[in-house]
Amino acid sequence: MKTQAALRPYDVVLIGGGIMSATLAMLFKHLEPTWTIAVYERLPEVGQEASAAWNNSGTGHAGLCEPNYSVENADGTLDFTRAVEINEQFQLTRQLWASLVEAGILGKPGTFVNPVPHLTLVHGQRDVDFLRRRHETMSAHPLFANMRFSDDPKVIGEWAPLLTDGRESAEPIAATRDITGSDVDFGELTGQLFHHLRWQDVEIHRNCEVRGLRRNNDGTWQLRVDWRTDNDRLTRKVDARFVFAGAGGWALKILQKAGVAEAHGYGLLPISGRFLRCDNPEVVERHDAKVYGKAPAGAPPMSMPHLDTRIVDGKRAVLFGPYPGINPRFLKKGSLFDAATSVRRDNVAPLSAMLGDNTELIKLLLSQVTMTRKKKLAALREFAPGIRPEDWTMVSAGQRAQIVKPDAERGGVLEFGTEVVAAHDGSIAAVLGASPGASVAPAVLLQVLDQCFPRYSRLWEPRLRELMPTLGQSLSNDARLARQTMARTAETLGLAGREVD
């Protein structure tokens, strides 16, 4: 193994070649075109882990169909604050994509995003009543004005025929539908962003793994990078003024290697996922929707069952799942020792407390691992009763790592969502967690910019508004602005606009 000394410091080094790093590099190049940027990816190609098309469900999360983003209070009222927050964030995502399409940076929108209605499906009178109240509350909000409700099986069958084909049960069902939903190929999107960035002098190094980090005397970071070639392997030392880890579950390991105090106490619960996939054209042509149901009690949000239209490389397929399980890897192509080596003295107690508080979740994950194909098909039939088993094949999805945080009262808690963890001086940051992750990447990365570059905020804000015009404004409080913004991005991205009654 050969070792090469560090060259002059890069302004920015991004660890991981997924959608987070691609989006942040694009923002930096727009804000500071002269800054030097390097990206280091472990795999031979970028966008091959969680961002890859078949490693996720491709849902453009906007709070339209996910039941866990709305909570029913004891008095029967509905709190959908989280759904509003995610929708506002996804509107920024749509604005960024639209701006990049208009600038010729991204290709035809249909290559990475397509209109697919988002539905919520429930069974039983109690959940039917809940969904009706949810629709009445949410559809009055400007961001959810396109949401429609029905408890008529005939109407639901018109929306998504697979949901009612062969359904003989007298059990009540209901659904909501929003035509403004979308399916996203985040792998293709990542590839297009990096393709443009290469032409903007962003260095993109593949087959490179960051093995260590340490602080230099001048406050910069030195990264030790293992560089693999066909015939050799060398170690290169790279200096950076700012480091960002957008490496999925490995992001925590990066913070730990760097000794970032703000990451003390954090741990991760790795969760694998599998889907049933159908490519039979006769079935696929009868389903144009992403249909979400309610997750089992105690299950993480990523395990909410959903029946999804997917559009990848111009071809349509249908996925059902996920079937979550326990896998010690933090990445699909990670190490069996990922979880074990992430356990440190500072996070043992939070991890232990979390496991003690979530025994039902652990039992659920273990039961999913041992679930037979017959039982998995039975879960699918709750959504699509008329399916034929021979049309469906089990496929593996990507790895997810749910956040475990220290908590003063409970010792440690399991968090769902996406979170920014940054050093106090803003010299290094990472994104931890899972869904809605990729869908709200611009909003998450704006948090990174705010936390790590506060002295640039006033200077950068006008330039960011060039990409995301409503930045700093609330669409929730301005129905006209919400309609105009969604209509503009829908037209540019080829998505469905406002539904006419």
Protein backbone atom coordinates (compact mmCIF):
# COMPACT_ATOMS: atom_id res chain seq x y z
CA MET A 1 0.00 0.00 0.00
CA LYS A 2 1.29 3.44 -0.96
CA THR A 3 0.66 6.66 0.97
CA GLN A 4 0.45 10.09 -0.59
CA ALA A 5 0.64 13.34 1.37
CA ALA A 6 -2.22 15.79 1.54
CA LEU A 7 -2.56 18.43 -1.15
CA ARG A 8 -3.94 21.92 -0.59
CA PRO A 9 -7.20 21.93 1.37
CA TYR A 10 -10.45 21.59 -0.50
CA ASP A 11 -13.12 24.04 0.51
CA VAL A 12 -15.63 21.18 0.75
CA VAL A 13 -15.30 17.40 0.92
CA LEU A 14 -18.46 15.31 0.62
CA ILE A 15 -18.40 11.72 1.85
CA GLY A 16 -20.87 9.48 0.03
CA GLY A 17 -22.15 9.74 -3.53
CA GLY A 18 -25.90 9.76 -2.90
CA ILE A 19 -28.69 12.29 -3.34
CA MET A 20 -27.71 14.29 -0.24
CA SER A 21 -24.13 14.91 -1.39
CA ALA A 22 -25.23 15.57 -4.97
CA THR A 23 -27.80 18.15 -3.87
CA LEU A 24 -25.41 19.88 -1.45
CA ALA A 25 -22.67 20.05 -4.08
CA MET A 26 -25.16 21.63 -6.49
CA LEU A 27 -26.12 24.24 -3.90
CA PHE A 28 -22.48 25.05 -3.13
CA LYS A 29 -21.65 25.43 -6.82
CA HIS A 30 -24.52 27.86 -7.21
CA LEU A 31 -23.62 29.83 -4.11
CA GLU A 32 -19.82 29.80 -4.35
CA PRO A 33 -18.73 28.81 -7.87
CA THR A 34 -15.02 29.19 -7.08
CA TRP A 35 -14.99 26.82 -4.11
CA THR A 36 -13.13 23.56 -4.61
CA ILE A 37 -15.24 20.46 -3.98
CA ALA A 38 -14.37 16.76 -3.87
CA VAL A 39 -16.70 13.78 -3.45
CA TYR A 40 -15.56 10.36 -2.19
CA GLU A 41 -17.73 7.30 -2.84
CA ARG A 42 -16.91 3.73 -1.70
CA LEU A 43 -18.64 2.00 -4.61
CA PRO A 44 -17.70 1.94 -8.31
CA GLU A 45 -20.62 4.27 -9.16
CA VAL A 46 -22.53 7.05 -7.43
CA GLY A 47 -26.13 6.69 -6.28
CA GLN A 48 -25.94 2.94 -5.72
CA GLU A 49 -26.93 2.68 -2.06
CA ALA A 50 -30.14 4.14 -0.56
CA SER A 51 -30.55 6.49 -3.54
CA ALA A 52 -30.66 3.67 -6.11
CA ALA A 53 -34.08 3.27 -7.72
CA TRP A 54 -34.84 -0.21 -6.41
CA ASN A 55 -33.36 0.42 -2.97
CA ASN A 56 -36.28 2.67 -2.00
CA SER A 57 -39.97 3.02 -2.80
CA GLY A 58 -39.51 6.16 -4.90
CA THR A 59 -42.24 8.05 -3.08
CA GLY A 60 -42.02 11.81 -3.41
CA HIS A 61 -43.00 12.25 0.24
CA ALA A 62 -45.34 15.22 0.62
CA GLY A 63 -47.56 14.06 3.49
CA LEU A 64 -50.39 13.26 1.07
CA CYS A 65 -50.88 9.60 1.90
CA GLU A 66 -48.77 8.60 4.91
CA PRO A 67 -51.06 8.06 7.95
CA ASN A 68 -48.21 8.42 10.45
CA TYR A 69 -47.79 12.09 9.52
CA SER A 70 -51.17 12.88 11.08
CA VAL A 71 -52.09 12.12 14.69
CA GLU A 72 -55.57 11.78 16.15
CA ASN A 73 -55.90 13.55 19.49
CA ALA A 74 -57.90 12.21 22.43
CA ASP A 75 -60.74 14.62 21.65
CA GLY A 76 -61.02 13.35 18.07
CA THR A 77 -59.30 16.32 16.45
CA LEU A 78 -56.43 15.79 14.03
CA ASP A 79 -52.91 17.17 14.31
CA PHE A 80 -51.32 17.10 10.86
CA THR A 81 -48.53 19.58 11.59
CA ARG A 82 -45.92 17.05 10.48
CA ALA A 83 -47.67 16.49 7.14
CA VAL A 84 -47.74 20.25 6.52
CA GLU A 85 -44.05 20.55 7.39
CA ILE A 86 -43.07 17.76 5.00
CA ASN A 87 -45.28 19.11 2.23
CA GLU A 88 -43.75 22.59 2.56
CA GLN A 89 -40.29 21.01 2.37
CA PHE A 90 -41.21 18.95 -0.69
CA GLN A 91 -42.48 22.10 -2.42
CA LEU A 92 -38.92 23.47 -2.05
CA THR A 93 -37.65 20.25 -3.60
CA ARG A 94 -40.00 20.65 -6.55
CA GLN A 95 -38.89 24.26 -6.97
CA LEU A 96 -35.22 23.28 -7.00
CA TRP A 97 -35.80 20.53 -9.54
CA ALA A 98 -37.88 22.85 -11.71
CA SER A 99 -35.14 25.51 -11.65
CA LEU A 100 -32.51 22.94 -12.63
CA VAL A 101 -34.69 21.64 -15.46
CA GLU A 102 -35.23 25.18 -16.75
CA ALA A 103 -31.47 25.78 -16.60
CA GLY A 104 -30.76 22.61 -18.60
CA ILE A 105 -28.86 21.06 -15.69
CA LEU A 106 -31.37 18.23 -15.33
CA GLY A 107 -32.75 16.38 -18.33
CA LYS A 108 -36.36 15.72 -19.24
CA PRO A 109 -38.36 15.49 -16.01
CA GLY A 110 -39.87 12.15 -17.00
CA THR A 111 -36.44 10.56 -16.65
CA PHE A 112 -36.47 11.07 -12.88
CA VAL A 113 -39.94 12.15 -11.71
CA ASN A 114 -43.41 11.16 -12.89
CA PRO A 115 -46.99 11.92 -11.80
CA VAL A 116 -48.44 9.07 -9.73
CA PRO A 117 -51.50 9.67 -7.50
CA HIS A 118 -51.01 9.10 -3.77
CA LEU A 119 -53.72 7.14 -1.95
CA THR A 120 -54.40 6.09 1.62
CA LEU A 121 -56.37 2.86 2.10
CA VAL A 122 -57.97 1.73 5.39
CA HIS A 123 -60.17 -1.18 6.51
CA GLY A 124 -62.82 -1.39 9.23
CA GLN A 125 -65.37 1.17 10.39
CA ARG A 126 -63.09 2.76 12.99
CA ASP A 127 -60.35 3.53 10.48
CA VAL A 128 -62.90 4.57 7.84
CA ASP A 129 -64.22 7.17 10.29
CA PHE A 130 -60.66 8.28 11.05
CA LEU A 131 -59.84 8.70 7.36
CA ARG A 132 -63.03 10.66 6.76
CA ARG A 133 -62.12 13.08 9.57
CA ARG A 134 -58.56 13.25 8.28
CA HIS A 135 -59.81 14.22 4.83
CA GLU A 136 -62.25 16.81 6.17
CA THR A 137 -59.47 18.48 8.14
CA MET A 138 -56.61 18.25 5.66
CA SER A 139 -58.51 19.06 2.45
CA ALA A 140 -59.36 22.49 3.91
CA HIS A 141 -55.65 23.32 3.93
CA PRO A 142 -54.22 24.93 0.75
CA LEU A 143 -51.47 22.30 0.43
CA PHE A 144 -53.96 19.41 0.54
CA ALA A 145 -56.88 20.94 -1.37
CA ASN A 146 -56.63 18.22 -4.05
CA MET A 147 -57.29 15.38 -1.59
CA ARG A 148 -60.48 13.40 -2.33
CA PHE A 149 -62.26 10.85 -0.09
CA SER A 150 -64.48 7.88 -0.86
CA ASP A 151 -65.86 4.89 1.02
CA ASP A 152 -67.53 3.60 -2.14
CA PRO A 153 -65.73 0.48 -3.44
CA LYS A 154 -66.80 1.35 -6.99
CA VAL A 155 -65.10 4.75 -6.84
CA ILE A 156 -62.01 3.29 -5.15
CA GLY A 157 -61.88 0.67 -7.92
CA GLU A 158 -61.89 3.44 -10.52
CA TRP A 159 -58.96 5.09 -8.72
CA ALA A 160 -56.97 1.88 -8.38
CA PRO A 161 -58.57 -1.32 -9.74
CA LEU A 162 -56.22 -3.70 -7.92
CA LEU A 163 -57.64 -2.52 -4.60
CA THR A 164 -61.12 -3.87 -5.35
CA ASP A 165 -60.56 -6.66 -7.90
CA GLY A 166 -61.72 -9.87 -6.19
CA ARG A 167 -62.64 -8.13 -2.94
CA GLU A 168 -65.54 -10.08 -1.46
CA SER A 169 -65.33 -9.08 2.20
CA ALA A 170 -68.15 -6.98 3.58
CA GLU A 171 -65.66 -5.11 5.78
CA PRO A 172 -65.91 -1.35 5.14
CA ILE A 173 -63.02 0.26 3.25
CA ALA A 174 -62.20 3.86 2.44
CA ALA A 175 -59.50 5.74 0.57
CA THR A 176 -58.24 9.22 -0.07
CA ARG A 177 -56.58 10.20 -3.33
CA ASP A 178 -54.39 13.12 -4.35
CA ILE A 179 -53.42 13.32 -8.01
CA THR A 180 -50.49 15.67 -7.32
CA GLY A 181 -48.37 12.82 -5.95
CA SER A 182 -45.21 11.61 -7.67
CA ASP A 183 -42.82 8.71 -8.18
CA VAL A 184 -39.13 9.61 -8.12
CA ASP A 185 -36.07 7.75 -9.38
CA PHE A 186 -33.54 9.18 -6.94
CA GLY A 187 -30.74 7.12 -8.46
CA GLU A 188 -31.25 8.68 -11.88
CA LEU A 189 -31.59 12.12 -10.32
CA THR A 190 -28.33 11.64 -8.41
CA GLY A 191 -26.56 10.54 -11.58
CA GLN A 192 -27.78 13.56 -13.56
CA LEU A 193 -26.68 15.99 -10.83
CA PHE A 194 -23.20 14.48 -10.60
CA HIS A 195 -22.90 14.39 -14.39
CA HIS A 196 -23.38 18.16 -14.45
CA LEU A 197 -21.12 18.72 -11.45
CA ARG A 198 -18.23 16.95 -13.20
CA TRP A 199 -18.37 19.67 -15.85
CA GLN A 200 -18.27 22.26 -13.07
CA ASP A 201 -14.87 21.02 -11.83
CA VAL A 202 -16.28 19.03 -8.93
CA GLU A 203 -13.96 16.07 -8.35
CA ILE A 204 -15.89 12.82 -8.03
CA HIS A 205 -13.75 9.95 -6.81
CA ARG A 206 -15.16 6.44 -6.81
CA ASN A 207 -13.78 3.28 -5.18
CA CYS A 208 -12.57 5.56 -2.38
CA GLU A 209 -13.32 4.98 1.29
CA VAL A 210 -12.70 7.50 4.07
CA ARG A 211 -11.01 5.49 6.82
CA GLY A 212 -10.15 8.20 9.31
CA LEU A 213 -10.41 11.92 10.18
CA ARG A 214 -8.42 14.21 12.45
CA ARG A 215 -8.22 17.93 13.09
CA ASN A 216 -5.28 19.92 11.78
CA ASN A 217 -3.74 22.71 13.82
CA ASP A 218 -5.36 25.33 11.60
CA GLY A 219 -8.86 23.95 12.23
CA THR A 220 -9.20 22.14 8.91
CA TRP A 221 -9.79 18.39 8.68
CA GLN A 222 -7.44 15.76 7.36
CA LEU A 223 -9.12 12.70 5.86
CA ARG A 224 -7.36 9.41 5.30
CA VAL A 225 -8.78 7.92 2.11
CA ASP A 226 -8.21 4.39 0.83
CA TRP A 227 -8.04 4.55 -2.93
CA ARG A 228 -8.63 1.28 -4.80
CA THR A 229 -7.59 0.66 -8.40
CA ASP A 230 -7.56 -2.50 -10.51
CA ASN A 231 -3.92 -3.16 -9.72
CA ASP A 232 -3.14 -1.32 -6.51
CA ARG A 233 -4.41 0.29 -3.37
CA LEU A 234 -3.06 3.52 -1.95
CA THR A 235 -3.85 5.79 0.95
CA ARG A 236 -4.21 9.49 0.28
CA LYS A 237 -4.43 12.23 2.88
CA VAL A 238 -6.88 14.95 1.94
CA ASP A 239 -7.44 18.25 3.76
CA ALA A 240 -10.78 20.05 3.86
CA ARG A 241 -12.15 23.24 5.40
CA PHE A 242 -15.64 21.69 5.60
CA VAL A 243 -16.67 18.02 5.64
CA PHE A 244 -20.15 16.67 5.00
CA ALA A 245 -21.14 13.03 5.50
CA GLY A 246 -24.10 12.07 3.35
CA ALA A 247 -23.31 8.38 3.60
CA GLY A 248 -26.48 6.86 5.03
CA GLY A 249 -25.82 4.80 8.13
CA TRP A 250 -22.09 5.32 7.72
CA ALA A 251 -22.52 9.01 8.45
CA LEU A 252 -22.58 8.26 12.19
CA LYS A 253 -19.35 6.27 11.85
CA ILE A 254 -17.76 9.28 10.16
CA LEU A 255 -18.78 11.55 13.06
CA GLN A 256 -17.45 8.99 15.52
CA LYS A 257 -14.12 8.72 13.70
CA ALA A 258 -13.88 12.51 13.80
CA GLY A 259 -14.61 12.60 17.53
CA VAL A 260 -17.49 15.07 17.10
CA ALA A 261 -18.84 15.76 20.59
CA GLU A 262 -22.31 16.59 19.28
CA ALA A 263 -22.64 12.98 18.08
CA HIS A 264 -21.97 11.51 21.53
CA GLY A 265 -24.81 9.31 22.68
CA TYR A 266 -26.18 8.77 19.18
CA GLY A 267 -26.68 5.24 17.91
CA LEU A 268 -28.45 3.57 15.03
CA LEU A 269 -30.91 0.71 14.65
CA PRO A 270 -30.27 -0.83 11.21
CA ILE A 271 -33.38 -2.14 9.45
CA SER A 272 -33.44 -4.04 6.19
CA GLY A 273 -36.30 -4.10 3.73
CA ARG A 274 -37.70 -6.42 1.09
CA PHE A 275 -40.51 -5.96 -1.44
CA LEU A 276 -42.73 -8.11 -3.59
CA ARG A 277 -42.33 -6.92 -7.18
CA CYS A 278 -44.62 -7.44 -10.17
CA ASP A 279 -43.58 -6.80 -13.78
CA ASN A 280 -46.53 -8.48 -15.48
CA PRO A 281 -47.90 -5.83 -17.89
CA GLU A 282 -51.49 -7.00 -17.36
CA VAL A 283 -51.18 -6.20 -13.66
CA VAL A 284 -48.97 -3.15 -13.93
CA GLU A 285 -51.30 -1.42 -16.40
CA ARG A 286 -54.15 -1.70 -13.88
CA HIS A 287 -52.36 0.19 -11.15
CA ASP A 288 -51.34 3.85 -11.30
CA ALA A 289 -50.97 4.83 -7.66
CA LYS A 290 -48.91 4.73 -4.50
CA VAL A 291 -51.28 3.32 -1.89
CA TYR A 292 -50.32 3.57 1.78
CA GLY A 293 -51.97 1.77 4.67
CA LYS A 294 -51.48 1.85 8.43
CA ALA A 295 -48.36 0.28 9.93
CA PRO A 296 -48.75 -2.46 12.57
CA ALA A 297 -48.78 -1.18 16.15
CA GLY A 298 -45.25 -0.43 17.33
CA ALA A 299 -43.77 -0.59 13.84
CA PRO A 300 -41.46 2.10 12.44
CA PRO A 301 -42.97 4.43 9.81
CA MET A 302 -40.78 2.90 7.10
CA SER A 303 -42.73 -0.36 7.58
CA MET A 304 -46.07 1.17 6.59
CA PRO A 305 -47.41 -1.23 3.94
CA HIS A 306 -47.78 0.34 0.52
CA LEU A 307 -48.58 -0.78 -3.01
CA ASP A 308 -46.50 1.35 -5.34
CA THR A 309 -46.32 2.12 -9.00
CA ARG A 310 -42.64 2.48 -9.92
CA ILE A 311 -41.30 4.02 -13.12
CA VAL A 312 -37.62 3.28 -13.69
CA ASP A 313 -35.83 3.71 -17.02
CA GLY A 314 -39.20 4.33 -18.61
CA LYS A 315 -40.57 0.94 -17.52
CA ARG A 316 -43.41 0.49 -15.04
CA ALA A 317 -43.60 -2.05 -12.23
CA VAL A 318 -45.54 -2.50 -8.99
CA LEU A 319 -43.97 -3.02 -5.56
CA PHE A 320 -45.56 -4.09 -2.31
CA GLY A 321 -43.96 -3.96 1.10
CA PRO A 322 -41.75 -3.31 2.81
CA TYR A 323 -41.12 -6.40 4.87
CA PRO A 324 -38.63 -5.05 7.42
CA GLY A 325 -36.04 -7.16 9.20
CA ILE A 326 -32.92 -6.94 11.31
CA ASN A 327 -29.61 -6.70 9.51
CA PRO A 328 -26.42 -5.46 11.24
CA ARG A 329 -25.22 -3.61 8.15
CA PHE A 330 -25.60 0.18 7.93
CA LEU A 331 -25.39 0.01 4.13
CA LYS A 332 -26.61 -2.64 1.71
CA LYS A 333 -22.99 -3.24 0.74
CA GLY A 334 -21.68 -2.53 4.20
CA SER A 335 -20.07 -4.80 6.78
CA LEU A 336 -21.68 -7.34 9.09
CA PHE A 337 -19.78 -5.54 11.85
CA ASP A 338 -21.25 -2.07 11.18
CA ALA A 339 -23.68 -2.09 14.11
CA ALA A 340 -21.21 -3.70 16.52
CA THR A 341 -18.35 -1.31 15.73
CA SER A 342 -20.64 1.72 16.11
CA VAL A 343 -21.30 0.90 19.77
CA ARG A 344 -19.21 3.18 21.96
CA ARG A 345 -19.03 3.94 25.64
CA ASP A 346 -21.14 7.06 25.16
CA ASN A 347 -24.04 5.34 23.35
CA VAL A 348 -24.29 2.00 25.17
CA ALA A 349 -26.83 3.34 27.66
CA PRO A 350 -29.10 5.06 25.06
CA LEU A 351 -29.05 1.95 22.85
CA SER A 352 -29.87 -0.33 25.79
CA ALA A 353 -32.70 1.93 26.95
CA MET A 354 -34.13 2.11 23.44
CA LEU A 355 -34.12 -1.68 23.08
CA GLY A 356 -35.82 -2.02 26.45
CA ASP A 357 -38.56 0.42 25.43
CA ASN A 358 -39.13 -1.17 22.02
CA THR A 359 -39.44 -4.88 22.70
CA GLU A 360 -42.60 -5.08 20.57
CA LEU A 361 -40.75 -3.51 17.64
CA ILE A 362 -37.89 -5.98 17.97
CA LYS A 363 -40.39 -8.87 18.07
CA LEU A 364 -42.07 -7.46 14.95
CA LEU A 365 -38.76 -7.24 13.08
CA LEU A 366 -37.85 -10.78 14.08
CA SER A 367 -41.26 -12.05 12.99
CA GLN A 368 -40.82 -10.37 9.60
CA VAL A 369 -37.50 -12.18 9.14
CA THR A 370 -39.19 -15.56 9.65
CA MET A 371 -42.41 -14.74 7.79
CA THR A 372 -43.24 -17.30 5.12
CA ARG A 373 -44.01 -16.37 1.53
CA LYS A 374 -47.62 -17.44 2.15
CA LYS A 375 -47.97 -14.88 4.94
CA LYS A 376 -46.30 -12.19 2.87
CA LEU A 377 -48.75 -12.79 0.06
CA ALA A 378 -51.60 -12.66 2.59
CA ALA A 379 -50.45 -9.16 3.59
CA LEU A 380 -50.45 -8.17 -0.08
CA ARG A 381 -53.98 -9.53 -0.53
CA GLU A 382 -55.25 -7.08 2.10
CA PHE A 383 -54.46 -4.43 -0.52
CA ALA A 384 -54.99 -6.39 -3.73
CA PRO A 385 -57.23 -9.43 -3.08
CA GLY A 386 -57.17 -10.71 -6.66
CA ILE A 387 -53.41 -11.11 -7.11
CA ARG A 388 -51.81 -14.27 -8.51
CA PRO A 389 -48.74 -15.44 -6.54
CA GLU A 390 -46.81 -16.32 -9.71
CA ASP A 391 -46.83 -12.65 -10.75
CA TRP A 392 -44.82 -11.52 -7.70
CA THR A 393 -41.12 -11.94 -6.93
CA MET A 394 -39.34 -11.06 -3.69
CA VAL A 395 -36.57 -8.45 -4.09
CA SER A 396 -34.19 -6.83 -1.60
CA ALA A 397 -34.29 -3.09 -0.98
CA GLY A 398 -31.70 -0.85 0.65
CA GLN A 399 -30.67 -0.61 4.26
CA ARG A 400 -32.09 2.03 6.60
CA ALA A 401 -30.65 3.13 9.92
CA GLN A 402 -33.11 4.67 12.40
CA ILE A 403 -31.72 7.23 14.84
CA VAL A 404 -31.28 6.41 18.52
CA LYS A 405 -30.84 9.58 20.60
CA PRO A 406 -29.90 10.10 24.24
CA ASP A 407 -32.85 11.25 26.34
CA ALA A 408 -32.71 12.74 29.84
CA GLU A 409 -35.84 10.93 31.04
CA ARG A 410 -35.87 7.64 29.14
CA GLY A 411 -32.14 7.18 28.57
CA GLY A 412 -32.49 6.67 24.84
CA VAL A 413 -35.29 7.02 22.28
CA LEU A 414 -35.85 5.79 18.76
CA GLU A 415 -36.37 8.70 16.36
CA PHE A 416 -37.99 8.47 12.93
CA GLY A 417 -37.16 10.96 10.23
CA THR A 418 -34.06 12.83 9.10
CA GLU A 419 -31.76 14.87 11.33
CA VAL A 420 -28.70 17.09 10.90
CA VAL A 421 -25.86 16.63 13.38
CA ALA A 422 -23.07 19.23 13.17
CA ALA A 423 -19.98 20.16 15.16
CA HIS A 424 -20.27 23.34 17.23
CA ASP A 425 -17.86 25.20 14.93
CA GLY A 426 -19.68 24.11 11.77
CA SER A 427 -16.62 22.45 10.26
CA ILE A 428 -18.25 19.03 9.86
CA ALA A 429 -21.86 17.86 9.57
CA ALA A 430 -23.83 14.76 8.72
CA VAL A 431 -27.38 13.73 7.94
CA LEU A 432 -28.72 10.79 9.93
CA GLY A 433 -31.96 8.85 9.66
CA ALA A 434 -34.26 7.70 6.89
CA SER A 435 -37.61 8.73 5.37
CA PRO A 436 -38.58 11.34 4.26
CA GLY A 437 -34.83 11.94 3.62
CA ALA A 438 -34.31 12.13 -0.13
CA SER A 439 -37.68 13.78 -0.81
CA VAL A 440 -36.84 16.75 1.39
CA ALA A 441 -33.08 16.85 0.75
CA PRO A 442 -32.96 20.58 -0.16
CA ALA A 443 -34.72 21.60 3.07
CA VAL A 444 -32.47 19.34 5.15
CA LEU A 445 -29.36 20.72 3.48
CA LEU A 446 -30.52 24.28 4.05
CA GLN A 447 -30.31 23.38 7.74
CA VAL A 448 -26.71 22.29 7.15
CA LEU A 449 -25.93 25.65 5.53
CA ASP A 450 -27.64 27.58 8.33
CA GLN A 451 -25.85 25.68 11.09
CA CYS A 452 -22.41 25.52 9.51
CA PHE A 453 -22.18 28.81 7.57
CA PRO A 454 -24.17 31.37 9.60
CA ARG A 455 -22.00 34.30 8.49
CA TYR A 456 -22.91 33.59 4.85
CA SER A 457 -26.67 33.39 5.41
CA ARG A 458 -27.54 36.96 4.42
CA LEU A 459 -25.26 36.80 1.39
CA TRP A 460 -26.60 33.45 0.17
CA GLU A 461 -30.32 33.98 0.69
CA PRO A 462 -30.97 35.93 -2.56
CA ARG A 463 -29.04 33.32 -4.56
CA LEU A 464 -30.97 30.48 -2.97
CA ARG A 465 -34.23 32.20 -3.89
CA GLU A 466 -33.12 32.04 -7.53
CA LEU A 467 -33.49 28.26 -7.18
CA MET A 468 -36.35 28.13 -4.66
CA PRO A 469 -38.43 31.31 -5.03
CA THR A 470 -40.66 30.79 -1.97
CA LEU A 471 -37.76 30.20 0.42
CA GLY A 472 -38.54 31.93 3.70
CA GLN A 473 -42.26 32.22 2.89
CA SER A 474 -45.05 30.06 4.25
CA LEU A 475 -47.24 28.41 1.63
CA SER A 476 -49.52 27.28 4.44
CA ASN A 477 -50.49 30.88 5.19
CA ASP A 478 -50.86 32.01 1.59
CA ALA A 479 -53.30 29.90 -0.42
CA ARG A 480 -52.77 31.93 -3.59
CA LEU A 481 -48.98 31.57 -3.41
CA ALA A 482 -49.38 27.85 -2.74
CA ARG A 483 -51.57 27.37 -5.83
CA GLN A 484 -49.26 29.43 -8.03
CA THR A 485 -46.13 27.66 -6.83
CA MET A 486 -47.54 24.16 -7.22
CA ALA A 487 -48.95 25.01 -10.65
CA ARG A 488 -45.60 26.38 -11.88
CA THR A 489 -43.54 23.42 -10.72
CA ALA A 490 -46.18 20.96 -11.95
CA GLU A 491 -45.99 22.45 -15.43
CA THR A 492 -42.20 22.44 -15.54
CA LEU A 493 -41.85 18.92 -14.10
CA GLY A 494 -44.75 17.39 -16.03
CA LEU A 495 -46.68 16.59 -12.86
CA ALA A 496 -50.41 16.66 -12.28
CA GLY A 497 -51.81 20.05 -11.37
CA ARG A 498 -55.01 21.11 -9.66
CA GLU A 499 -57.91 18.69 -9.89
CA VAL A 500 -61.15 20.15 -11.19
CA ASP A 501 -64.30 19.13 -9.27
